[in-house]
Amino acid sequence: MSSKITGGYQTMDARLINIGFGNTVISHRVVAVVMPGSAPMKRLRERATQADRLIDATHGRKTRSIIVTDSNHIILSAVHAETLSQRLNGHGDMARLDLGDKGI
């Protein structure tokens, strides 16, 4: 990912990554994409709920990945963690932006 100098600050190119159902995140704000099944991830999710830092982007579907951002927000997604990792690495099909992940 390239960076630019803008107004004396170094910024990264903003790429929007589809996390399902038309929801997107800015790629350089993502710190981690993790699987939701382990006990530590369940605690992370619970603590984020208590601190009003949880964003549920699953639209009622099963949570398949948890996205941690640099602002310490936790985002729940119905898209598999492997798929999101591919999209973040630029290997994802750009056609996925039209919700090609089985309607997600």
PDB file of N, CA and C in Angstrom:
ATOM      1  N   MET A   1       0.846  -1.164   0.000  1.00  0.00           N
ATOM      2  CA  MET A   1       0.000   0.000   0.000  1.00  0.00           C
ATOM      3  C   MET A   1       0.892   1.227   0.000  1.00  0.00           C
ATOM      4  N   SER A   2       0.592   2.157  -0.878  1.00  0.00           N
ATOM      5  CA  SER A   2       1.425   3.348  -0.968  1.00  0.00           C
ATOM      6  C   SER A   2       0.935   4.410   0.003  1.00  0.00           C
ATOM      7  N   SER A   3       1.804   5.381   0.244  1.00  0.00           N
ATOM      8  CA  SER A   3       1.420   6.474   1.128  1.00  0.00           C
ATOM      9  C   SER A   3       1.628   7.788   0.408  1.00  0.00           C
ATOM     10  N   LYS A   4       0.958   8.828   0.853  1.00  0.00           N
ATOM     11  CA  LYS A   4       1.049  10.155   0.260  1.00  0.00           C
ATOM     12  C   LYS A   4       1.356  11.158   1.361  1.00  0.00           C
ATOM     13  N   ILE A   5       1.974  12.246   0.988  1.00  0.00           N
ATOM     14  CA  ILE A   5       2.171  13.355   1.914  1.00  0.00           C
ATOM     15  C   ILE A   5       1.097  14.393   1.590  1.00  0.00           C
ATOM     16  N   THR A   6       0.252  14.689   2.573  1.00  0.00           N
ATOM     17  CA  THR A   6      -0.839  15.632   2.388  1.00  0.00           C
ATOM     18  C   THR A   6      -0.811  16.630   3.528  1.00  0.00           C
ATOM     19  N   GLY A   7      -0.594  17.876   3.220  1.00  0.00           N
ATOM     20  CA  GLY A   7      -0.608  18.914   4.247  1.00  0.00           C
ATOM     21  C   GLY A   7       0.387  18.675   5.359  1.00  0.00           C
ATOM     22  N   GLY A   8       1.546  18.084   5.037  1.00  0.00           N
ATOM     23  CA  GLY A   8       2.555  17.843   6.055  1.00  0.00           C
ATOM     24  C   GLY A   8       2.374  16.534   6.806  1.00  0.00           C
ATOM     25  N   TYR A   9       1.271  15.834   6.553  1.00  0.00           N
ATOM     26  CA  TYR A   9       1.014  14.562   7.221  1.00  0.00           C
ATOM     27  C   TYR A   9       1.131  13.439   6.221  1.00  0.00           C
ATOM     28  N   GLN A  10       1.644  12.324   6.659  1.00  0.00           N
ATOM     29  CA  GLN A  10       1.710  11.155   5.791  1.00  0.00           C
ATOM     30  C   GLN A  10       0.440  10.351   5.984  1.00  0.00           C
ATOM     31  N   THR A  11      -0.270  10.110   4.886  1.00  0.00           N
ATOM     32  CA  THR A  11      -1.506   9.340   4.956  1.00  0.00           C
ATOM     33  C   THR A  11      -1.418   8.159   4.004  1.00  0.00           C
ATOM     34  N   MET A  12      -2.196   7.134   4.267  1.00  0.00           N
ATOM     35  CA  MET A  12      -2.247   5.973   3.397  1.00  0.00           C
ATOM     36  C   MET A  12      -3.421   6.105   2.452  1.00  0.00           C
ATOM     37  N   ASP A  13      -3.296   5.490   1.296  1.00  0.00           N
ATOM     38  CA  ASP A  13      -4.405   5.484   0.355  1.00  0.00           C
ATOM     39  C   ASP A  13      -5.592   4.791   1.003  1.00  0.00           C
ATOM     40  N   ALA A  14      -6.734   5.431   0.929  1.00  0.00           N
ATOM     41  CA  ALA A  14      -7.935   4.865   1.533  1.00  0.00           C
ATOM     42  C   ALA A  14      -8.587   3.905   0.546  1.00  0.00           C
ATOM     43  N   ARG A  15      -8.648   2.630   0.926  1.00  0.00           N
ATOM     44  CA  ARG A  15      -9.368   1.620   0.157  1.00  0.00           C
ATOM     45  C   ARG A  15     -10.508   1.133   1.018  1.00  0.00           C
ATOM     46  N   LEU A  16     -11.693   1.096   0.454  1.00  0.00           N
ATOM     47  CA  LEU A  16     -12.842   0.565   1.170  1.00  0.00           C
ATOM     48  C   LEU A  16     -12.917  -0.934   0.942  1.00  0.00           C
ATOM     49  N   ILE A  17     -13.055  -1.685   2.023  1.00  0.00           N
ATOM     50  CA  ILE A  17     -13.151  -3.139   1.963  1.00  0.00           C
ATOM     51  C   ILE A  17     -14.574  -3.543   2.332  1.00  0.00           C
ATOM     52  N   ASN A  18     -15.206  -4.313   1.469  1.00  0.00           N
ATOM     53  CA  ASN A  18     -16.566  -4.794   1.713  1.00  0.00           C
ATOM     54  C   ASN A  18     -16.535  -5.844   2.819  1.00  0.00           C
ATOM     55  N   ILE A  19     -17.295  -5.613   3.889  1.00  0.00           N
ATOM     56  CA  ILE A  19     -17.362  -6.581   4.988  1.00  0.00           C
ATOM     57  C   ILE A  19     -18.717  -7.273   5.035  1.00  0.00           C
ATOM     58  N   GLY A  20     -19.511  -7.079   3.989  1.00  0.00           N
ATOM     59  CA  GLY A  20     -20.802  -7.757   3.868  1.00  0.00           C
ATOM     60  C   GLY A  20     -21.982  -6.821   3.947  1.00  0.00           C
ATOM     61  N   PHE A  21     -23.009  -7.136   3.163  1.00  0.00           N
ATOM     62  CA  PHE A  21     -24.265  -6.397   3.141  1.00  0.00           C
ATOM     63  C   PHE A  21     -24.082  -4.917   2.814  1.00  0.00           C
ATOM     64  N   GLY A  22     -23.106  -4.600   1.976  1.00  0.00           N
ATOM     65  CA  GLY A  22     -22.878  -3.221   1.582  1.00  0.00           C
ATOM     66  C   GLY A  22     -22.120  -2.396   2.602  1.00  0.00           C
ATOM     67  N   ASN A  23     -21.715  -2.993   3.701  1.00  0.00           N
ATOM     68  CA  ASN A  23     -20.926  -2.296   4.723  1.00  0.00           C
ATOM     69  C   ASN A  23     -19.452  -2.357   4.338  1.00  0.00           C
ATOM     70  N   THR A  24     -18.741  -1.268   4.587  1.00  0.00           N
ATOM     71  CA  THR A  24     -17.325  -1.209   4.251  1.00  0.00           C
ATOM     72  C   THR A  24     -16.518  -0.632   5.409  1.00  0.00           C
ATOM     73  N   VAL A  25     -15.231  -0.951   5.419  1.00  0.00           N
ATOM     74  CA  VAL A  25     -14.290  -0.341   6.361  1.00  0.00           C
ATOM     75  C   VAL A  25     -13.106   0.168   5.550  1.00  0.00           C
ATOM     76  N   ILE A  26     -12.426   1.165   6.074  1.00  0.00           N
ATOM     77  CA  ILE A  26     -11.222   1.677   5.422  1.00  0.00           C
ATOM     78  C   ILE A  26     -10.070   0.748   5.777  1.00  0.00           C
ATOM     79  N   SER A  27      -9.386   0.258   4.767  1.00  0.00           N
ATOM     80  CA  SER A  27      -8.402  -0.805   4.959  1.00  0.00           C
ATOM     81  C   SER A  27      -7.297  -0.461   5.952  1.00  0.00           C
ATOM     82  N   HIS A  28      -6.791   0.767   5.939  1.00  0.00           N
ATOM     83  CA  HIS A  28      -5.667   1.068   6.829  1.00  0.00           C
ATOM     84  C   HIS A  28      -6.093   1.269   8.286  1.00  0.00           C
ATOM     85  N   ARG A  29      -7.379   1.244   8.578  1.00  0.00           N
ATOM     86  CA  ARG A  29      -7.856   1.342   9.962  1.00  0.00           C
ATOM     87  C   ARG A  29      -7.987  -0.038  10.617  1.00  0.00           C
ATOM     88  N   VAL A  30      -7.897  -1.105   9.834  1.00  0.00           N
ATOM     89  CA  VAL A  30      -8.046  -2.467  10.358  1.00  0.00           C
ATOM     90  C   VAL A  30      -6.734  -2.921  10.977  1.00  0.00           C
ATOM     91  N   VAL A  31      -6.812  -3.363  12.242  1.00  0.00           N
ATOM     92  CA  VAL A  31      -5.644  -3.872  12.952  1.00  0.00           C
ATOM     93  C   VAL A  31      -5.590  -5.389  12.864  1.00  0.00           C
ATOM     94  N   ALA A  32      -6.763  -6.045  12.983  1.00  0.00           N
ATOM     95  CA  ALA A  32      -6.808  -7.506  12.967  1.00  0.00           C
ATOM     96  C   ALA A  32      -8.168  -7.992  12.487  1.00  0.00           C
ATOM     97  N   VAL A  33      -8.154  -9.184  11.868  1.00  0.00           N
ATOM     98  CA  VAL A  33      -9.376  -9.897  11.512  1.00  0.00           C
ATOM     99  C   VAL A  33      -9.233 -11.273  12.154  1.00  0.00           C
ATOM    100  N   VAL A  34     -10.135 -11.593  13.083  1.00  0.00           N
ATOM    101  CA  VAL A  34     -10.006 -12.823  13.860  1.00  0.00           C
ATOM    102  C   VAL A  34     -11.282 -13.654  13.791  1.00  0.00           C
ATOM    103  N   MET A  35     -11.140 -14.927  14.126  1.00  0.00           N
ATOM    104  CA  MET A  35     -12.279 -15.840  14.191  1.00  0.00           C
ATOM    105  C   MET A  35     -13.020 -15.608  15.509  1.00  0.00           C
ATOM    106  N   PRO A  36     -14.337 -15.711  15.518  1.00  0.00           N
ATOM    107  CA  PRO A  36     -15.109 -15.350  16.707  1.00  0.00           C
ATOM    108  C   PRO A  36     -15.299 -16.448  17.749  1.00  0.00           C
ATOM    109  N   GLY A  37     -14.842 -17.667  17.496  1.00  0.00           N
ATOM    110  CA  GLY A  37     -15.218 -18.795  18.341  1.00  0.00           C
ATOM    111  C   GLY A  37     -14.498 -18.948  19.662  1.00  0.00           C
ATOM    112  N   SER A  38     -13.313 -18.407  19.796  1.00  0.00           N
ATOM    113  CA  SER A  38     -12.535 -18.659  21.014  1.00  0.00           C
ATOM    114  C   SER A  38     -13.041 -17.830  22.192  1.00  0.00           C
ATOM    115  N   ALA A  39     -12.717 -18.288  23.390  1.00  0.00           N
ATOM    116  CA  ALA A  39     -13.138 -17.591  24.607  1.00  0.00           C
ATOM    117  C   ALA A  39     -12.585 -16.162  24.686  1.00  0.00           C
ATOM    118  N   PRO A  40     -11.312 -15.923  24.332  1.00  0.00           N
ATOM    119  CA  PRO A  40     -10.825 -14.540  24.372  1.00  0.00           C
ATOM    120  C   PRO A  40     -11.585 -13.612  23.416  1.00  0.00           C
ATOM    121  N   MET A  41     -11.979 -14.134  22.253  1.00  0.00           N
ATOM    122  CA  MET A  41     -12.724 -13.301  21.301  1.00  0.00           C
ATOM    123  C   MET A  41     -14.137 -13.024  21.816  1.00  0.00           C
ATOM    124  N   LYS A  42     -14.710 -13.988  22.516  1.00  0.00           N
ATOM    125  CA  LYS A  42     -16.032 -13.764  23.119  1.00  0.00           C
ATOM    126  C   LYS A  42     -15.943 -12.707  24.215  1.00  0.00           C
ATOM    127  N   ARG A  43     -14.849 -12.718  24.984  1.00  0.00           N
ATOM    128  CA  ARG A  43     -14.647 -11.681  26.008  1.00  0.00           C
ATOM    129  C   ARG A  43     -14.426 -10.321  25.365  1.00  0.00           C
ATOM    130  N   LEU A  44     -13.654 -10.286  24.295  1.00  0.00           N
ATOM    131  CA  LEU A  44     -13.412  -9.043  23.576  1.00  0.00           C
ATOM    132  C   LEU A  44     -14.730  -8.449  23.079  1.00  0.00           C
ATOM    133  N   ARG A  45     -15.571  -9.303  22.539  1.00  0.00           N
ATOM    134  CA  ARG A  45     -16.879  -8.872  22.045  1.00  0.00           C
ATOM    135  C   ARG A  45     -17.752  -8.338  23.180  1.00  0.00           C
ATOM    136  N   GLU A  46     -17.756  -9.028  24.307  1.00  0.00           N
ATOM    137  CA  GLU A  46     -18.564  -8.617  25.461  1.00  0.00           C
ATOM    138  C   GLU A  46     -18.078  -7.283  26.022  1.00  0.00           C
ATOM    139  N   ARG A  47     -16.765  -7.125  26.131  1.00  0.00           N
ATOM    140  CA  ARG A  47     -16.220  -5.863  26.653  1.00  0.00           C
ATOM    141  C   ARG A  47     -16.507  -4.698  25.701  1.00  0.00           C
ATOM    142  N   ALA A  48     -16.463  -4.956  24.417  1.00  0.00           N
ATOM    143  CA  ALA A  48     -16.785  -3.912  23.441  1.00  0.00           C
ATOM    144  C   ALA A  48     -18.252  -3.515  23.541  1.00  0.00           C
ATOM    145  N   THR A  49     -19.116  -4.483  23.794  1.00  0.00           N
ATOM    146  CA  THR A  49     -20.543  -4.195  23.971  1.00  0.00           C
ATOM    147  C   THR A  49     -20.746  -3.300  25.183  1.00  0.00           C
ATOM    148  N   GLN A  50     -20.095  -3.630  26.289  1.00  0.00           N
ATOM    149  CA  GLN A  50     -20.234  -2.852  27.522  1.00  0.00           C
ATOM    150  C   GLN A  50     -19.688  -1.437  27.364  1.00  0.00           C
ATOM    151  N   ALA A  51     -18.653  -1.273  26.535  1.00  0.00           N
ATOM    152  CA  ALA A  51     -18.026   0.037  26.351  1.00  0.00           C
ATOM    153  C   ALA A  51     -18.613   0.802  25.155  1.00  0.00           C
ATOM    154  N   ASP A  52     -19.687   0.301  24.575  1.00  0.00           N
ATOM    155  CA  ASP A  52     -20.317   0.924  23.402  1.00  0.00           C
ATOM    156  C   ASP A  52     -19.335   1.100  22.242  1.00  0.00           C
ATOM    157  N   ARG A  53     -18.498   0.096  22.011  1.00  0.00           N
ATOM    158  CA  ARG A  53     -17.546   0.112  20.910  1.00  0.00           C
ATOM    159  C   ARG A  53     -17.816  -0.992  19.904  1.00  0.00           C
ATOM    160  N   LEU A  54     -18.962  -1.681  20.028  1.00  0.00           N
ATOM    161  CA  LEU A  54     -19.292  -2.800  19.152  1.00  0.00           C
ATOM    162  C   LEU A  54     -20.155  -2.329  17.994  1.00  0.00           C
ATOM    163  N   ILE A  55     -19.775  -2.733  16.782  1.00  0.00           N
ATOM    164  CA  ILE A  55     -20.559  -2.455  15.584  1.00  0.00           C
ATOM    165  C   ILE A  55     -20.942  -3.799  14.979  1.00  0.00           C
ATOM    166  N   ASP A  56     -22.245  -4.067  14.910  1.00  0.00           N
ATOM    167  CA  ASP A  56     -22.736  -5.334  14.379  1.00  0.00           C
ATOM    168  C   ASP A  56     -23.148  -5.135  12.928  1.00  0.00           C
ATOM    169  N   ALA A  57     -22.330  -5.661  12.008  1.00  0.00           N
ATOM    170  CA  ALA A  57     -22.608  -5.539  10.580  1.00  0.00           C
ATOM    171  C   ALA A  57     -23.057  -6.871   9.990  1.00  0.00           C
ATOM    172  N   THR A  58     -23.620  -7.745  10.816  1.00  0.00           N
ATOM    173  CA  THR A  58     -24.014  -9.077  10.355  1.00  0.00           C
ATOM    174  C   THR A  58     -25.427  -9.141   9.792  1.00  0.00           C
ATOM    175  N   HIS A  59     -26.249  -8.144  10.053  1.00  0.00           N
ATOM    176  CA  HIS A  59     -27.651  -8.132   9.621  1.00  0.00           C
ATOM    177  C   HIS A  59     -28.383  -9.380  10.108  1.00  0.00           C
ATOM    178  N   GLY A  60     -28.089  -9.789  11.330  1.00  0.00           N
ATOM    179  CA  GLY A  60     -28.773 -10.931  11.927  1.00  0.00           C
ATOM    180  C   GLY A  60     -28.219 -12.282  11.550  1.00  0.00           C
ATOM    181  N   ARG A  61     -27.213 -12.328  10.710  1.00  0.00           N
ATOM    182  CA  ARG A  61     -26.607 -13.601  10.313  1.00  0.00           C
ATOM    183  C   ARG A  61     -25.559 -14.016  11.337  1.00  0.00           C
ATOM    184  N   LYS A  62     -25.043 -15.220  11.158  1.00  0.00           N
ATOM    185  CA  LYS A  62     -24.021 -15.735  12.053  1.00  0.00           C
ATOM    186  C   LYS A  62     -22.736 -14.919  11.908  1.00  0.00           C
ATOM    187  N   THR A  63     -22.113 -14.588  13.047  1.00  0.00           N
ATOM    188  CA  THR A  63     -20.840 -13.867  13.024  1.00  0.00           C
ATOM    189  C   THR A  63     -19.739 -14.828  12.604  1.00  0.00           C
ATOM    190  N   ARG A  64     -19.055 -14.515  11.502  1.00  0.00           N
ATOM    191  CA  ARG A  64     -17.997 -15.377  10.990  1.00  0.00           C
ATOM    192  C   ARG A  64     -16.610 -14.762  11.159  1.00  0.00           C
ATOM    193  N   SER A  65     -16.573 -13.458  11.485  1.00  0.00           N
ATOM    194  CA  SER A  65     -15.280 -12.819  11.742  1.00  0.00           C
ATOM    195  C   SER A  65     -15.485 -11.588  12.614  1.00  0.00           C
ATOM    196  N   ILE A  66     -14.432 -11.234  13.315  1.00  0.00           N
ATOM    197  CA  ILE A  66     -14.409 -10.033  14.149  1.00  0.00           C
ATOM    198  C   ILE A  66     -13.271  -9.165  13.645  1.00  0.00           C
ATOM    199  N   ILE A  67     -13.586  -7.900  13.384  1.00  0.00           N
ATOM    200  CA  ILE A  67     -12.600  -6.946  12.887  1.00  0.00           C
ATOM    201  C   ILE A  67     -12.268  -5.985  14.018  1.00  0.00           C
ATOM    202  N   VAL A  68     -10.984  -5.830  14.302  1.00  0.00           N
ATOM    203  CA  VAL A  68     -10.517  -4.900  15.325  1.00  0.00           C
ATOM    204  C   VAL A  68      -9.909  -3.707  14.590  1.00  0.00           C
ATOM    205  N   THR A  69     -10.323  -2.491  14.971  1.00  0.00           N
ATOM    206  CA  THR A  69      -9.824  -1.289  14.301  1.00  0.00           C
ATOM    207  C   THR A  69      -8.811  -0.559  15.181  1.00  0.00           C
ATOM    208  N   ASP A  70      -8.131   0.392  14.586  1.00  0.00           N
ATOM    209  CA  ASP A  70      -7.133   1.163  15.329  1.00  0.00           C
ATOM    210  C   ASP A  70      -7.767   2.094  16.357  1.00  0.00           C
ATOM    211  N   SER A  71      -9.060   2.344  16.247  1.00  0.00           N
ATOM    212  CA  SER A  71      -9.769   3.165  17.235  1.00  0.00           C
ATOM    213  C   SER A  71     -10.343   2.307  18.359  1.00  0.00           C
ATOM    214  N   ASN A  72      -9.973   1.017  18.359  1.00  0.00           N
ATOM    215  CA  ASN A  72     -10.397   0.057  19.373  1.00  0.00           C
ATOM    216  C   ASN A  72     -11.874  -0.301  19.263  1.00  0.00           C
ATOM    217  N   HIS A  73     -12.478  -0.079  18.098  1.00  0.00           N
ATOM    218  CA  HIS A  73     -13.833  -0.544  17.851  1.00  0.00           C
ATOM    219  C   HIS A  73     -13.774  -1.994  17.384  1.00  0.00           C
ATOM    220  N   ILE A  74     -14.824  -2.723  17.686  1.00  0.00           N
ATOM    221  CA  ILE A  74     -14.936  -4.122  17.297  1.00  0.00           C
ATOM    222  C   ILE A  74     -16.107  -4.218  16.328  1.00  0.00           C
ATOM    223  N   ILE A  75     -15.859  -4.779  15.144  1.00  0.00           N
ATOM    224  CA  ILE A  75     -16.889  -4.900  14.120  1.00  0.00           C
ATOM    225  C   ILE A  75     -17.149  -6.380  13.873  1.00  0.00           C
ATOM    226  N   LEU A  76     -18.425  -6.773  13.958  1.00  0.00           N
ATOM    227  CA  LEU A  76     -18.825  -8.146  13.676  1.00  0.00           C
ATOM    228  C   LEU A  76     -19.230  -8.243  12.214  1.00  0.00           C
ATOM    229  N   SER A  77     -18.759  -9.275  11.526  1.00  0.00           N
ATOM    230  CA  SER A  77     -19.069  -9.455  10.114  1.00  0.00           C
ATOM    231  C   SER A  77     -19.544 -10.878   9.856  1.00  0.00           C
ATOM    232  N   ALA A  78     -20.418 -11.026   8.865  1.00  0.00           N
ATOM    233  CA  ALA A  78     -20.904 -12.342   8.460  1.00  0.00           C
ATOM    234  C   ALA A  78     -20.026 -12.953   7.376  1.00  0.00           C
ATOM    235  N   VAL A  79     -18.970 -12.261   6.981  1.00  0.00           N
ATOM    236  CA  VAL A  79     -18.032 -12.757   5.973  1.00  0.00           C
ATOM    237  C   VAL A  79     -16.891 -13.474   6.684  1.00  0.00           C
ATOM    238  N   HIS A  80     -16.437 -14.595   6.129  1.00  0.00           N
ATOM    239  CA  HIS A  80     -15.355 -15.368   6.734  1.00  0.00           C
ATOM    240  C   HIS A  80     -14.077 -14.542   6.846  1.00  0.00           C
ATOM    241  N   ALA A  81     -13.309 -14.799   7.897  1.00  0.00           N
ATOM    242  CA  ALA A  81     -12.064 -14.079   8.149  1.00  0.00           C
ATOM    243  C   ALA A  81     -11.081 -14.251   6.991  1.00  0.00           C
ATOM    244  N   GLU A  82     -11.013 -15.439   6.403  1.00  0.00           N
ATOM    245  CA  GLU A  82     -10.095 -15.682   5.290  1.00  0.00           C
ATOM    246  C   GLU A  82     -10.448 -14.809   4.091  1.00  0.00           C
ATOM    247  N   THR A  83     -11.739 -14.661   3.832  1.00  0.00           N
ATOM    248  CA  THR A  83     -12.195 -13.827   2.723  1.00  0.00           C
ATOM    249  C   THR A  83     -11.826 -12.373   2.961  1.00  0.00           C
ATOM    250  N   LEU A  84     -12.049 -11.902   4.183  1.00  0.00           N
ATOM    251  CA  LEU A  84     -11.690 -10.515   4.510  1.00  0.00           C
ATOM    252  C   LEU A  84     -10.188 -10.302   4.406  1.00  0.00           C
ATOM    253  N   SER A  85      -9.406 -11.276   4.830  1.00  0.00           N
ATOM    254  CA  SER A  85      -7.947 -11.163   4.744  1.00  0.00           C
ATOM    255  C   SER A  85      -7.505 -11.046   3.295  1.00  0.00           C
ATOM    256  N   GLN A  86      -8.119 -11.822   2.413  1.00  0.00           N
ATOM    257  CA  GLN A  86      -7.793 -11.736   0.990  1.00  0.00           C
ATOM    258  C   GLN A  86      -8.151 -10.365   0.439  1.00  0.00           C
ATOM    259  N   ARG A  87      -9.294  -9.840   0.835  1.00  0.00           N
ATOM    260  CA  ARG A  87      -9.710  -8.518   0.369  1.00  0.00           C
ATOM    261  C   ARG A  87      -8.762  -7.433   0.877  1.00  0.00           C
ATOM    262  N   LEU A  88      -8.320  -7.560   2.117  1.00  0.00           N
ATOM    263  CA  LEU A  88      -7.389  -6.582   2.683  1.00  0.00           C
ATOM    264  C   LEU A  88      -6.027  -6.645   1.995  1.00  0.00           C
ATOM    265  N   ASN A  89      -5.613  -7.831   1.583  1.00  0.00           N
ATOM    266  CA  ASN A  89      -4.325  -7.998   0.907  1.00  0.00           C
ATOM    267  C   ASN A  89      -4.395  -7.656  -0.568  1.00  0.00           C
ATOM    268  N   GLY A  90      -5.575  -7.297  -1.053  1.00  0.00           N
ATOM    269  CA  GLY A  90      -5.724  -6.936  -2.452  1.00  0.00           C
ATOM    270  C   GLY A  90      -5.891  -8.108  -3.378  1.00  0.00           C
ATOM    271  N   HIS A  91      -6.060  -9.321  -2.832  1.00  0.00           N
ATOM    272  CA  HIS A  91      -6.232 -10.502  -3.663  1.00  0.00           C
ATOM    273  C   HIS A  91      -7.701 -10.816  -3.910  1.00  0.00           C
ATOM    274  N   GLY A  92      -8.575 -10.069  -3.264  1.00  0.00           N
ATOM    275  CA  GLY A  92     -10.007 -10.318  -3.429  1.00  0.00           C
ATOM    276  C   GLY A  92     -10.496  -9.821  -4.772  1.00  0.00           C
ATOM    277  N   ASP A  93     -11.475 -10.483  -5.296  1.00  0.00           N
ATOM    278  CA  ASP A  93     -12.071 -10.110  -6.570  1.00  0.00           C
ATOM    279  C   ASP A  93     -12.813  -8.792  -6.391  1.00  0.00           C
ATOM    280  N   MET A  94     -12.528  -7.796  -7.208  1.00  0.00           N
ATOM    281  CA  MET A  94     -13.196  -6.509  -7.089  1.00  0.00           C
ATOM    282  C   MET A  94     -14.687  -6.626  -7.346  1.00  0.00           C
ATOM    283  N   ALA A  95     -15.113  -7.692  -8.014  1.00  0.00           N
ATOM    284  CA  ALA A  95     -16.544  -7.903  -8.231  1.00  0.00           C
ATOM    285  C   ALA A  95     -17.258  -8.201  -6.919  1.00  0.00           C
ATOM    286  N   ARG A  96     -16.501  -8.515  -5.876  1.00  0.00           N
ATOM    287  CA  ARG A  96     -17.107  -8.773  -4.569  1.00  0.00           C
ATOM    288  C   ARG A  96     -17.781  -7.534  -4.012  1.00  0.00           C
ATOM    289  N   LEU A  97     -17.402  -6.373  -4.514  1.00  0.00           N
ATOM    290  CA  LEU A  97     -18.011  -5.142  -4.032  1.00  0.00           C
ATOM    291  C   LEU A  97     -19.496  -5.077  -4.343  1.00  0.00           C
ATOM    292  N   ASP A  98     -19.958  -5.931  -5.266  1.00  0.00           N
ATOM    293  CA  ASP A  98     -21.371  -5.946  -5.569  1.00  0.00           C
ATOM    294  C   ASP A  98     -22.087  -7.060  -4.788  1.00  0.00           C
ATOM    295  N   LEU A  99     -21.576  -7.364  -3.607  1.00  0.00           N
ATOM    296  CA  LEU A  99     -22.172  -8.336  -2.687  1.00  0.00           C
ATOM    297  C   LEU A  99     -22.159  -9.742  -3.276  1.00  0.00           C
ATOM    298  N   GLY A 100     -21.095 -10.118  -3.949  1.00  0.00           N
ATOM    299  CA  GLY A 100     -21.009 -11.414  -4.593  1.00  0.00           C
ATOM    300  C   GLY A 100     -20.775 -12.567  -3.650  1.00  0.00           C
ATOM    301  N   ASP A 101     -20.599 -12.352  -2.349  1.00  0.00           N
ATOM    302  CA  ASP A 101     -20.316 -13.423  -1.392  1.00  0.00           C
ATOM    303  C   ASP A 101     -21.636 -14.033  -0.926  1.00  0.00           C
ATOM    304  N   LYS A 102     -22.323 -14.730  -1.849  1.00  0.00           N
ATOM    305  CA  LYS A 102     -23.620 -15.375  -1.579  1.00  0.00           C
ATOM    306  C   LYS A 102     -24.623 -14.376  -1.012  1.00  0.00           C
ATOM    307  N   GLY A 103     -24.671 -13.211  -1.620  1.00  0.00           N
ATOM    308  CA  GLY A 103     -25.650 -12.208  -1.195  1.00  0.00           C
ATOM    309  C   GLY A 103     -25.199 -11.374  -0.010  1.00  0.00           C
ATOM    310  N   ILE A 104     -24.001 -11.631   0.466  1.00  0.00           N
ATOM    311  CA  ILE A 104     -23.512 -10.885   1.632  1.00  0.00           C
ATOM    312  C   ILE A 104     -22.691  -9.721   1.160  1.00  0.00           C
TER     313      ILE A 104
END
